[in-house]
Protein backbone atom coordinates (compact mmCIF):
# COMPACT_ATOMS: atom_id res chain seq x y z
CA UNK A 1 16.19 24.96 -9.37
CA UNK A 2 19.51 25.34 -7.69
CA UNK A 3 20.11 23.37 -4.71
CA UNK A 4 20.10 26.56 -2.23
CA UNK A 5 16.54 26.43 -3.69
CA UNK A 6 15.49 23.38 -3.11
CA UNK A 7 13.83 23.32 0.79
CA UNK A 8 11.87 26.63 0.18
CA UNK A 9 8.82 26.49 -0.22
CA UNK A 10 7.27 27.57 -3.76
CA UNK A 11 4.36 29.26 -4.55
CA UNK A 12 5.01 30.38 -8.17
CA UNK A 13 4.15 27.29 -10.09
CA UNK A 14 0.73 26.05 -11.07
CA UNK A 15 1.29 23.02 -8.50
CA UNK A 16 -1.69 21.00 -9.11
CA UNK A 17 -0.56 21.26 -12.78
CA UNK A 18 2.82 19.56 -11.49
CA UNK A 19 1.37 16.66 -9.48
CA UNK A 20 -1.60 15.99 -12.16
CA UNK A 21 0.93 15.65 -15.01
CA UNK A 22 2.94 13.31 -12.73
CA UNK A 23 0.58 11.30 -12.05
CA UNK A 24 -0.43 11.64 -15.65
CA UNK A 25 2.63 10.28 -17.01
CA UNK A 26 2.43 7.37 -15.08
CA UNK A 27 -1.07 6.80 -16.53
CA UNK A 28 0.03 6.59 -19.73
CA UNK A 29 2.83 4.32 -19.42
CA UNK A 30 0.42 1.93 -17.81
CA UNK A 31 1.75 2.62 -14.51
CA UNK A 32 -1.87 3.09 -11.93
CA UNK A 33 0.15 4.99 -8.01
CA UNK A 34 -2.50 4.38 -6.45
CA UNK A 35 -2.19 1.22 -7.05
CA UNK A 36 2.18 0.79 -6.51
CA UNK A 37 2.35 -1.34 -3.16
CA UNK A 38 5.26 -0.19 -0.45
CA UNK A 39 4.66 -2.88 1.79
CA UNK A 40 8.54 -3.32 1.04
CA UNK A 41 9.77 0.16 0.76
CA UNK A 42 7.68 0.61 3.42
CA UNK A 43 5.49 3.87 3.89
CA UNK A 44 7.49 6.87 2.59
CA UNK A 45 8.85 9.35 5.34
CA UNK A 46 11.64 11.54 6.20
CA UNK A 47 14.94 10.28 7.49
CA UNK A 48 15.23 13.23 10.41
CA UNK A 49 11.88 13.21 11.56
CA UNK A 50 10.77 9.73 11.35
CA UNK A 51 7.47 11.30 9.57
CA UNK A 52 5.11 9.57 6.95
CA UNK A 53 4.22 11.87 4.57
CA UNK A 54 0.88 12.22 3.83
CA UNK A 55 -2.18 12.62 0.75
CA UNK A 56 -0.90 12.24 -2.97
CA UNK A 57 2.69 12.57 -1.23
CA UNK A 58 2.85 8.81 -0.49
CA UNK A 59 1.79 7.92 -3.80
CA UNK A 60 4.54 10.26 -5.42
CA UNK A 61 7.50 9.06 -3.85
CA UNK A 62 6.89 6.02 -4.01
CA UNK A 63 5.99 5.75 -8.13
CA UNK A 64 9.52 6.34 -7.70
CA UNK A 65 10.69 2.98 -6.68
CA UNK A 66 13.50 2.78 -4.80
CA UNK A 67 14.34 -0.02 -2.00
CA UNK A 68 13.79 2.34 1.12
CA UNK A 69 11.38 5.47 0.52
CA UNK A 70 13.08 7.69 3.15
CA UNK A 71 13.70 11.45 1.56
CA UNK A 72 15.61 14.01 3.12
CA UNK A 73 15.26 17.83 1.93
CA UNK A 74 18.59 18.72 0.16
CA UNK A 75 19.65 20.78 3.96
CA UNK A 76 19.28 17.45 6.47
CA UNK A 77 21.51 15.95 3.46
CA UNK A 78 24.07 18.86 4.58
CA UNK A 79 23.26 18.68 7.91
CA UNK A 80 24.01 14.69 8.14
CA UNK A 81 27.58 15.64 6.15
CA UNK A 82 26.32 13.93 2.71
CA UNK A 83 26.03 15.16 -0.82
CA UNK A 84 23.35 14.39 -3.68
CA UNK A 85 25.02 12.42 -5.96
CA UNK A 86 25.87 14.05 -9.62
CA UNK A 87 22.37 13.73 -11.86
CA UNK A 88 20.41 12.75 -9.42
CA UNK A 89 16.36 15.17 -9.73
CA UNK A 90 14.79 16.03 -6.59
CA UNK A 91 11.02 14.90 -5.75
CA UNK A 92 8.43 17.59 -4.96
CA UNK A 93 6.30 16.76 -2.02
CA UNK A 94 3.26 19.15 -1.60
CA UNK A 95 1.90 20.60 1.53
CA UNK A 96 -1.15 23.45 2.77
CA UNK A 97 -0.70 26.62 4.83
CA UNK A 98 -3.71 27.90 5.75
CA UNK A 99 -4.09 31.84 5.29
CA UNK A 100 -5.96 34.08 7.23
CA UNK A 101 -8.08 37.25 6.10
CA UNK A 102 -10.53 39.18 8.08
CA UNK A 103 -13.45 40.20 6.84
CA UNK A 104 -13.62 44.17 6.52
CA UNK A 105 -17.63 44.30 7.49
CA UNK A 106 -18.02 41.08 9.52
CA UNK A 107 -14.44 40.95 11.01
CA UNK A 108 -14.82 37.48 11.10
CA UNK A 109 -11.36 35.61 10.38
CA UNK A 110 -11.36 33.46 7.25
CA UNK A 111 -8.79 30.36 6.18
CA UNK A 112 -7.55 29.76 2.54
CA UNK A 113 -5.77 26.63 2.45
CA UNK A 114 -3.06 27.39 0.33
CA UNK A 115 -1.45 24.34 -1.51
CA UNK A 116 3.07 24.96 -1.67
CA UNK A 117 5.69 22.06 -1.81
CA UNK A 118 9.47 21.71 -1.49
CA UNK A 119 11.61 19.18 -2.47
CA UNK A 120 13.40 16.23 -1.32
CA UNK A 121 16.10 13.46 -2.47
CA UNK A 122 15.68 9.42 -1.56
CA UNK A 123 18.80 8.03 0.01
CA UNK A 124 19.85 6.22 -3.01
CA UNK A 125 20.49 9.24 -4.56
CA UNK A 126 22.81 10.53 -1.68
CA UNK A 127 26.44 9.58 -0.76
CA UNK A 128 28.28 10.36 2.34
CA UNK A 129 25.52 10.16 4.95
CA UNK A 130 27.32 8.65 7.58
CA UNK A 131 25.71 4.32 8.28
CA UNK A 132 23.98 5.07 12.09
CA UNK A 133 21.80 7.33 10.66
CA UNK A 134 20.56 5.29 7.26
CA UNK A 135 17.82 3.31 8.77
CA UNK A 136 17.84 -0.94 8.96
CA UNK A 137 15.90 -2.29 6.94
CA UNK A 138 13.25 -4.72 9.11
CA UNK A 139 11.15 -7.75 7.68
CA UNK A 140 7.42 -7.61 8.11
CA UNK A 141 6.83 -10.33 10.59
CA UNK A 142 2.84 -9.99 10.61
CA UNK A 143 0.19 -12.04 9.39
CA UNK A 144 -1.40 -10.16 6.71
CA UNK A 145 -5.18 -11.64 7.30
CA UNK A 146 -4.85 -11.19 11.21
CA UNK A 147 -3.59 -8.02 10.06
CA UNK A 148 -6.94 -7.10 7.89
CA UNK A 149 -9.14 -8.28 10.77
CA UNK A 150 -6.96 -6.20 13.16
CA UNK A 151 -7.62 -3.20 10.86
CA UNK A 152 -11.55 -3.82 10.55
CA UNK A 153 -11.65 -4.65 14.36
CA UNK A 154 -10.77 -1.89 15.39
CA UNK A 155 -12.25 1.06 13.09
CA UNK A 156 -13.78 3.82 15.13
CA UNK A 157 -17.84 3.26 14.87
CA UNK A 158 -17.57 0.66 12.55
CA UNK A 159 -20.74 0.34 10.64
CA UNK A 160 -22.93 -3.22 10.08
CA UNK A 161 -21.27 -5.52 7.60
CA UNK A 162 -23.80 -8.03 5.80
CA UNK A 163 -23.62 -10.79 4.07
CA UNK A 164 -27.21 -10.47 1.92
CA UNK A 165 -26.41 -9.91 -1.20
CA UNK A 166 -23.71 -11.34 -3.99
CA UNK A 167 -22.29 -7.74 -4.40
CA UNK A 168 -20.27 -5.31 -2.30
CA UNK A 169 -21.41 -2.41 -1.52
CA UNK A 170 -21.81 0.42 1.11
CA UNK A 171 -25.30 1.71 1.84
CA UNK A 172 -25.73 5.08 2.92
CA UNK A 173 -28.77 5.55 4.03
CA UNK A 174 -28.96 2.15 6.29
CA UNK A 175 -25.00 2.50 6.64
CA UNK A 176 -24.18 -1.15 6.70
CA UNK A 177 -21.75 -3.15 3.99
CA UNK A 178 -22.95 -5.85 2.02
CA UNK A 179 -20.20 -8.34 1.63
CA UNK A 180 -20.48 -11.48 -1.07
CA UNK A 181 -19.84 -14.21 0.85
CA UNK A 182 -15.83 -15.06 1.86
CA UNK A 183 -15.58 -18.33 -0.68
CA UNK A 184 -16.95 -16.47 -3.88
CA UNK A 185 -13.69 -14.17 -4.18
CA UNK A 186 -10.45 -15.58 -5.96
CA UNK A 187 -8.80 -15.65 -2.64
CA UNK A 188 -8.74 -14.03 1.06
CA UNK A 189 -6.70 -11.50 -0.09
CA UNK A 190 -8.95 -10.14 -2.96
CA UNK A 191 -12.24 -9.95 0.01
CA UNK A 192 -10.53 -7.95 2.01
CA UNK A 193 -9.24 -5.59 -0.37
CA UNK A 194 -12.78 -5.24 -1.21
CA UNK A 195 -14.27 -4.89 2.23
CA UNK A 196 -11.49 -2.18 2.55
CA UNK A 197 -12.94 -0.16 -0.56
CA UNK A 198 -16.48 0.07 1.09
CA UNK A 199 -14.89 0.77 4.49
CA UNK A 200 -13.86 4.06 2.55
CA UNK A 201 -17.04 5.14 1.17
CA UNK A 202 -18.90 4.29 5.09
CA UNK A 203 -16.29 6.81 7.11
CA UNK A 204 -18.09 9.91 4.09
CA UNK A 205 -21.00 8.74 6.51
CA UNK A 206 -22.25 12.29 8.76
CA UNK A 207 -21.89 10.77 11.67
CA UNK A 208 -17.83 9.82 10.86
CA UNK A 209 -15.66 12.06 7.86
CA UNK A 210 -19.57 13.61 6.48
CA UNK A 211 -17.51 13.96 3.26
CA UNK A 212 -19.87 15.68 0.74
CA UNK A 213 -18.87 13.75 -2.53
CA UNK A 214 -20.80 11.29 -0.46
CA UNK A 215 -23.72 12.34 0.86
CA UNK A 216 -24.56 14.72 -1.84
CA UNK A 217 -23.96 13.28 -4.40
CA UNK A 218 -26.16 13.30 -7.75
CA UNK A 219 -25.44 10.16 -10.27
CA UNK A 220 -22.40 8.41 -11.49
CA UNK A 221 -21.46 11.08 -14.65
CA UNK A 222 -20.99 13.75 -11.66
CA UNK A 223 -17.22 15.10 -10.31
CA UNK A 224 -18.32 13.98 -6.63
CA UNK A 225 -19.03 10.97 -8.11
CA UNK A 226 -15.36 9.97 -9.71
CA UNK A 227 -13.87 12.02 -6.52
CA UNK A 228 -15.75 9.19 -4.43
CA UNK A 229 -14.73 6.13 -6.10
CA UNK A 230 -10.84 7.64 -6.45
CA UNK A 231 -11.29 8.25 -2.65
CA UNK A 232 -12.21 4.39 -2.18
CA UNK A 233 -9.72 3.04 -4.34
CA UNK A 234 -6.99 5.19 -3.28
CA UNK A 235 -7.71 4.47 0.64
CA UNK A 236 -8.66 0.58 -0.13
CA UNK A 237 -5.06 0.69 -1.62
CA UNK A 238 -2.55 2.73 1.36
CA UNK A 239 -4.71 -0.36 4.02
CA UNK A 240 -4.01 -3.15 1.21
CA UNK A 241 -0.04 -1.77 1.78
CA UNK A 242 -0.63 -1.15 5.25
CA UNK A 243 -1.34 -4.39 5.93
CA UNK A 244 0.84 -6.85 3.95
CA UNK A 245 -1.69 -8.18 1.42
CA UNK A 246 -1.06 -7.81 -2.13
CA UNK A 247 -3.04 -5.68 -4.65
CA UNK A 248 -4.13 -6.43 -7.42
CA UNK A 249 -2.42 -5.74 -10.88
CA UNK A 250 -4.08 -2.53 -13.14
CA UNK A 251 -1.18 -2.22 -15.27
CA UNK A 252 -2.88 -3.95 -18.06
CA UNK A 253 -6.33 -2.82 -17.97
CA UNK A 254 -6.84 -0.34 -20.75
CA UNK A 255 -10.32 0.67 -19.69
CA UNK A 256 -9.35 1.57 -16.19
CA UNK A 257 -6.22 3.21 -16.51
CA UNK A 258 -8.58 5.53 -19.54
CA UNK A 259 -10.86 6.59 -17.43
CA UNK A 260 -8.75 8.30 -14.77
CA UNK A 261 -6.98 9.77 -17.53
CA UNK A 262 -9.75 11.68 -18.92
CA UNK A 263 -10.88 13.01 -15.52
CA UNK A 264 -7.01 14.15 -14.82
CA UNK A 265 -6.88 15.97 -17.93
CA UNK A 266 -10.37 17.76 -17.63
CA UNK A 267 -9.88 18.95 -14.32
CA UNK A 268 -6.06 19.68 -12.63
CA UNK A 269 -7.17 19.58 -8.79
CA UNK A 270 -9.22 16.33 -9.59
CA UNK A 271 -6.80 13.92 -8.21
CA UNK A 272 -4.77 16.34 -5.29
CA UNK A 273 -8.58 16.96 -3.44
CA UNK A 274 -9.37 12.84 -4.02
CA UNK A 275 -6.14 11.13 -2.26
CA UNK A 276 -6.10 13.86 0.47
CA UNK A 277 -9.93 12.52 1.61
CA UNK A 278 -8.64 9.53 0.79
CA UNK A 279 -5.94 10.41 3.54
CA UNK A 280 -8.66 11.26 5.88
CA UNK A 281 -10.60 8.41 5.28
CA UNK A 282 -7.42 5.92 5.57
CA UNK A 283 -6.56 8.16 9.49
CA UNK A 284 -10.13 7.94 10.15
CA UNK A 285 -10.00 3.80 9.94
CA UNK A 286 -6.60 3.39 11.77
CA UNK A 287 -7.98 5.40 14.36
CA UNK A 288 -5.17 8.61 13.61
CA UNK A 289 -5.03 11.98 14.47
CA UNK A 290 -5.58 14.06 11.17
CA UNK A 291 -3.00 16.50 10.75
CA UNK A 292 -4.40 20.03 8.94
CA UNK A 293 -1.04 20.28 7.02
CA UNK A 294 2.07 18.09 6.36
CA UNK A 295 5.06 20.12 7.23
CA UNK A 296 7.64 18.90 9.37
CA UNK A 297 10.41 20.68 7.74
CA UNK A 298 9.61 24.59 7.77
CA UNK A 299 8.97 26.84 10.42
CA UNK A 300 5.41 29.29 10.18
CA UNK A 301 8.76 32.18 10.23
CA UNK A 302 10.85 30.82 7.86
CA UNK A 303 7.58 30.29 5.51
CA UNK A 304 6.33 33.34 6.19
CA UNK A 305 9.92 34.94 5.19
CA UNK A 306 10.04 33.18 2.28
CA UNK A 307 6.91 34.43 1.40
CA UNK A 308 7.59 37.78 1.62
CA UNK A 309 10.46 37.23 -0.50
CA UNK A 310 8.81 35.81 -3.13
CA UNK A 311 6.39 39.15 -2.47
CA UNK A 312 8.84 41.12 -3.29
CA UNK A 313 10.66 39.94 -5.97
CA UNK A 314 7.24 39.71 -7.89
CA UNK A 315 6.37 43.18 -7.10
CA UNK A 316 10.33 44.01 -8.08
CA UNK A 317 9.48 42.48 -11.47
CA UNK A 318 6.76 44.32 -11.77
CA UNK A 319 8.39 47.47 -11.38
CA UNK A 320 10.90 46.31 -14.14
CA UNK A 321 8.09 45.41 -16.52
CA UNK A 322 6.59 48.27 -16.71
CA UNK A 323 9.80 50.53 -16.65
CA UNK A 324 10.92 48.10 -19.52
CA UNK A 325 7.30 49.22 -21.10
CA UNK A 326 7.81 52.80 -20.20
CA UNK A 327 11.10 53.01 -22.26
CA UNK A 328 10.29 51.62 -25.24
CA UNK A 329 7.48 53.84 -25.53
CA UNK A 330 9.10 56.94 -25.02
CA UNK A 331 11.39 55.85 -27.93
CA UNK A 332 8.51 55.18 -30.52
CA UNK A 333 7.50 58.73 -29.57
CA UNK A 334 10.47 59.92 -30.62
């Protein structure tokens, strides 16, 4: 991929498979991307717009392990007067574009999501960016436990939290979270991590996000159940980094890693869908506006132009292939 292409949204590759392969590669190295905290390096965001990346992008970018999670497109680097260091590779950022199509019979306009991507570089991969444009690393001042309490207390339509049984679960029918007593846990941090997991489940209630994977699942062996569990895992991990509490180390848990490897290898859309659901759950708990698609770099006109070029190139390639086949056929007939 040339540098001039790295800013353009791409639709020709199987993006689901690329993302899934990346996560599988990490898991096979005993690294669980959604268990890697971004507390110290910061939530991955664009250096120019300062907007955080969403969904699977959080874990794709954070798993690169840079000291500061600030990223730029190739064009943004050039505009700032910088350049990419020789040999550095870009990282994919995925986003959704909604395509509109009118039904010929009903005239109803239907929207279909299309997954696309562009690429970015971390600021550590760049040189020549003016010092005043680079971020100053700030030390976190918050008390993690107080931060956890604040997140829980400010959750919209928060479910009742009970301590009736010595096990953690969310009761879908009666809409409450049950937690073991705090002193049952090894640490307060473990308690809040578990509570975050159950609160993410609770966001799926019909009065909140109405998540079908929670409400319509038919048992532990189903795809919906697995997606709901990974949604809660990823959502809780996000909230732990957000509040600054440490992550439980799953790197040596072979059974845990193998479980998710099997799911991902069977279903290339699994991780993208689960991470999207987790992001919506986190946005709900933190009372942040849910953004349907992540496109802070490109205008719709830019995307449409790129699509038009791609379509024309595809049609041209088809024409050339047909002509080549006809030419070869003519030679055979002679």
